[in-house]
Amino acid sequence: NQLGPCWLGLGDSRLRSTGYGIHGTPDESSVTRNLSAGCVRMRNKEVLELRARVPVGTPVIIAN
């Protein structure tokens, strides 16, 4: 799967998904490269840990 083991969608919970999210990747060497249309790619182990630790509805701020 191009999105790795899971997809954590970002957006307003009252609306449909924005199409942006946090996800794993089958090519973990791509994590540090700018290759997507705005999604955040993580190593598969780390995105699974994040999913286990962060409840649905948690506010997300992506900062530089």
N, C-alpha and C. Protein backbone atom coordinates (compact mmCIF):
# COMPACT_ATOMS: atom_id res chain seq x y z
N ASN A 1 0.85 -1.18 0.00
CA ASN A 1 0.00 0.00 0.00
C ASN A 1 0.89 1.24 0.00
N GLN A 2 0.62 2.18 -0.87
CA GLN A 2 1.42 3.41 -0.94
C GLN A 2 1.35 4.24 0.33
N LEU A 3 0.31 4.03 1.13
CA LEU A 3 0.13 4.82 2.35
C LEU A 3 0.66 4.10 3.58
N GLY A 4 1.37 3.02 3.39
CA GLY A 4 1.90 2.29 4.52
C GLY A 4 0.79 1.59 5.29
N PRO A 5 1.02 1.29 6.56
CA PRO A 5 0.06 0.50 7.33
C PRO A 5 -1.19 1.26 7.79
N CYS A 6 -1.16 2.58 7.77
CA CYS A 6 -2.36 3.32 8.20
C CYS A 6 -2.35 4.74 7.69
N TRP A 7 -3.53 5.36 7.74
CA TRP A 7 -3.77 6.73 7.31
C TRP A 7 -4.44 7.47 8.46
N LEU A 8 -3.88 8.60 8.87
CA LEU A 8 -4.48 9.44 9.90
C LEU A 8 -4.93 10.72 9.20
N GLY A 9 -6.21 10.80 8.89
CA GLY A 9 -6.73 11.93 8.14
C GLY A 9 -6.74 13.21 8.95
N LEU A 10 -6.44 14.31 8.29
CA LEU A 10 -6.45 15.63 8.92
C LEU A 10 -7.60 16.44 8.36
N GLY A 11 -8.23 17.21 9.19
CA GLY A 11 -9.30 18.07 8.73
C GLY A 11 -10.32 18.32 9.82
N ASP A 12 -11.28 19.14 9.51
CA ASP A 12 -12.36 19.48 10.43
C ASP A 12 -13.28 18.27 10.57
N SER A 13 -13.47 17.78 11.78
CA SER A 13 -14.27 16.58 12.00
C SER A 13 -15.73 16.77 11.59
N ARG A 14 -16.18 18.01 11.45
CA ARG A 14 -17.56 18.26 11.02
C ARG A 14 -17.71 18.18 9.51
N LEU A 15 -16.58 18.16 8.82
CA LEU A 15 -16.58 18.13 7.35
C LEU A 15 -15.95 16.82 6.87
N ARG A 16 -16.06 16.59 5.59
CA ARG A 16 -15.37 15.44 5.03
C ARG A 16 -13.86 15.68 5.10
N SER A 17 -13.10 14.62 4.91
CA SER A 17 -11.64 14.72 4.94
C SER A 17 -11.13 15.77 3.97
N THR A 18 -10.05 16.41 4.34
CA THR A 18 -9.42 17.41 3.47
C THR A 18 -8.60 16.74 2.38
N GLY A 19 -8.36 15.44 2.51
CA GLY A 19 -7.48 14.74 1.58
C GLY A 19 -6.04 14.74 2.03
N TYR A 20 -5.76 15.46 3.11
CA TYR A 20 -4.42 15.48 3.67
C TYR A 20 -4.37 14.58 4.89
N GLY A 21 -3.21 14.01 5.15
CA GLY A 21 -3.12 13.15 6.31
C GLY A 21 -1.67 12.83 6.66
N ILE A 22 -1.55 12.02 7.68
CA ILE A 22 -0.27 11.50 8.13
C ILE A 22 -0.31 10.01 7.84
N HIS A 23 0.73 9.49 7.20
CA HIS A 23 0.71 8.07 6.85
C HIS A 23 2.11 7.51 6.78
N GLY A 24 2.17 6.20 6.77
CA GLY A 24 3.43 5.49 6.58
C GLY A 24 3.75 5.42 5.10
N THR A 25 4.78 4.67 4.77
CA THR A 25 5.19 4.53 3.38
C THR A 25 5.96 3.23 3.19
N PRO A 26 5.80 2.57 2.05
CA PRO A 26 6.58 1.37 1.80
C PRO A 26 8.06 1.68 1.54
N ASP A 27 8.38 2.94 1.19
CA ASP A 27 9.76 3.36 0.95
C ASP A 27 10.15 4.35 2.04
N GLU A 28 10.63 3.84 3.15
CA GLU A 28 10.92 4.71 4.29
C GLU A 28 12.05 5.69 4.02
N SER A 29 12.84 5.49 2.97
CA SER A 29 13.88 6.47 2.63
C SER A 29 13.26 7.74 2.05
N SER A 30 11.97 7.69 1.69
CA SER A 30 11.31 8.88 1.14
C SER A 30 10.77 9.81 2.21
N VAL A 31 10.88 9.45 3.48
CA VAL A 31 10.29 10.23 4.56
C VAL A 31 10.82 11.66 4.61
N THR A 32 12.05 11.88 4.36
CA THR A 32 12.62 13.23 4.48
C THR A 32 12.55 14.03 3.18
N ARG A 33 11.98 13.45 2.13
CA ARG A 33 11.92 14.14 0.84
C ARG A 33 10.54 14.73 0.59
N ASN A 34 10.48 15.81 -0.16
CA ASN A 34 9.23 16.48 -0.52
C ASN A 34 8.67 15.81 -1.78
N LEU A 35 7.83 14.79 -1.60
CA LEU A 35 7.34 14.01 -2.73
C LEU A 35 5.83 13.98 -2.85
N SER A 36 5.12 14.48 -1.87
CA SER A 36 3.66 14.35 -1.91
C SER A 36 3.00 15.71 -2.11
N ALA A 37 1.68 15.67 -2.17
CA ALA A 37 0.90 16.89 -2.36
C ALA A 37 0.47 17.48 -1.02
N GLY A 38 1.28 17.32 0.00
CA GLY A 38 0.98 17.94 1.27
C GLY A 38 0.84 17.00 2.45
N CYS A 39 0.84 15.70 2.21
CA CYS A 39 0.74 14.76 3.33
C CYS A 39 2.06 14.68 4.09
N VAL A 40 1.96 14.18 5.31
CA VAL A 40 3.14 13.98 6.15
C VAL A 40 3.43 12.49 6.14
N ARG A 41 4.59 12.10 5.62
CA ARG A 41 5.00 10.70 5.62
C ARG A 41 5.87 10.42 6.83
N MET A 42 5.61 9.27 7.46
CA MET A 42 6.40 8.86 8.63
C MET A 42 6.88 7.44 8.41
N ARG A 43 7.87 7.04 9.16
CA ARG A 43 8.28 5.64 9.15
C ARG A 43 7.11 4.82 9.69
N ASN A 44 6.93 3.62 9.13
CA ASN A 44 5.76 2.80 9.47
C ASN A 44 5.63 2.54 10.97
N LYS A 45 6.73 2.18 11.61
CA LYS A 45 6.70 1.91 13.06
C LYS A 45 6.23 3.15 13.82
N GLU A 46 6.70 4.32 13.40
CA GLU A 46 6.36 5.56 14.11
C GLU A 46 4.91 5.98 13.89
N VAL A 47 4.38 5.80 12.68
CA VAL A 47 2.98 6.17 12.45
C VAL A 47 2.04 5.23 13.21
N LEU A 48 2.41 3.96 13.34
CA LEU A 48 1.59 3.03 14.14
C LEU A 48 1.62 3.41 15.62
N GLU A 49 2.78 3.84 16.11
CA GLU A 49 2.87 4.30 17.50
C GLU A 49 2.04 5.56 17.71
N LEU A 50 2.11 6.49 16.76
CA LEU A 50 1.32 7.72 16.86
C LEU A 50 -0.17 7.39 16.90
N ARG A 51 -0.62 6.51 16.02
CA ARG A 51 -2.04 6.11 15.99
C ARG A 51 -2.49 5.53 17.33
N ALA A 52 -1.62 4.76 17.96
CA ALA A 52 -1.96 4.14 19.24
C ALA A 52 -2.01 5.15 20.39
N ARG A 53 -1.28 6.24 20.27
CA ARG A 53 -1.15 7.19 21.37
C ARG A 53 -2.05 8.42 21.28
N VAL A 54 -2.53 8.76 20.08
CA VAL A 54 -3.25 10.02 19.89
C VAL A 54 -4.72 9.72 19.57
N PRO A 55 -5.64 10.18 20.41
CA PRO A 55 -7.06 9.91 20.17
C PRO A 55 -7.61 10.65 18.94
N VAL A 56 -8.61 10.06 18.32
CA VAL A 56 -9.30 10.71 17.20
C VAL A 56 -9.86 12.03 17.71
N GLY A 57 -9.73 13.07 16.90
CA GLY A 57 -10.22 14.39 17.27
C GLY A 57 -9.19 15.30 17.90
N THR A 58 -7.98 14.79 18.12
CA THR A 58 -6.91 15.59 18.70
C THR A 58 -6.55 16.73 17.75
N PRO A 59 -6.52 17.97 18.22
CA PRO A 59 -6.09 19.07 17.36
C PRO A 59 -4.65 18.87 16.89
N VAL A 60 -4.38 19.19 15.65
CA VAL A 60 -3.06 19.01 15.07
C VAL A 60 -2.56 20.35 14.54
N ILE A 61 -1.34 20.68 14.89
CA ILE A 61 -0.68 21.86 14.35
C ILE A 61 0.60 21.38 13.68
N ILE A 62 0.74 21.71 12.41
CA ILE A 62 1.96 21.36 11.70
C ILE A 62 2.75 22.65 11.53
N ALA A 63 3.92 22.67 12.12
CA ALA A 63 4.74 23.89 12.12
C ALA A 63 6.13 23.57 11.57
N ASN A 64 6.75 24.58 11.09
CA ASN A 64 8.10 24.44 10.56
C ASN A 64 9.11 24.27 11.65
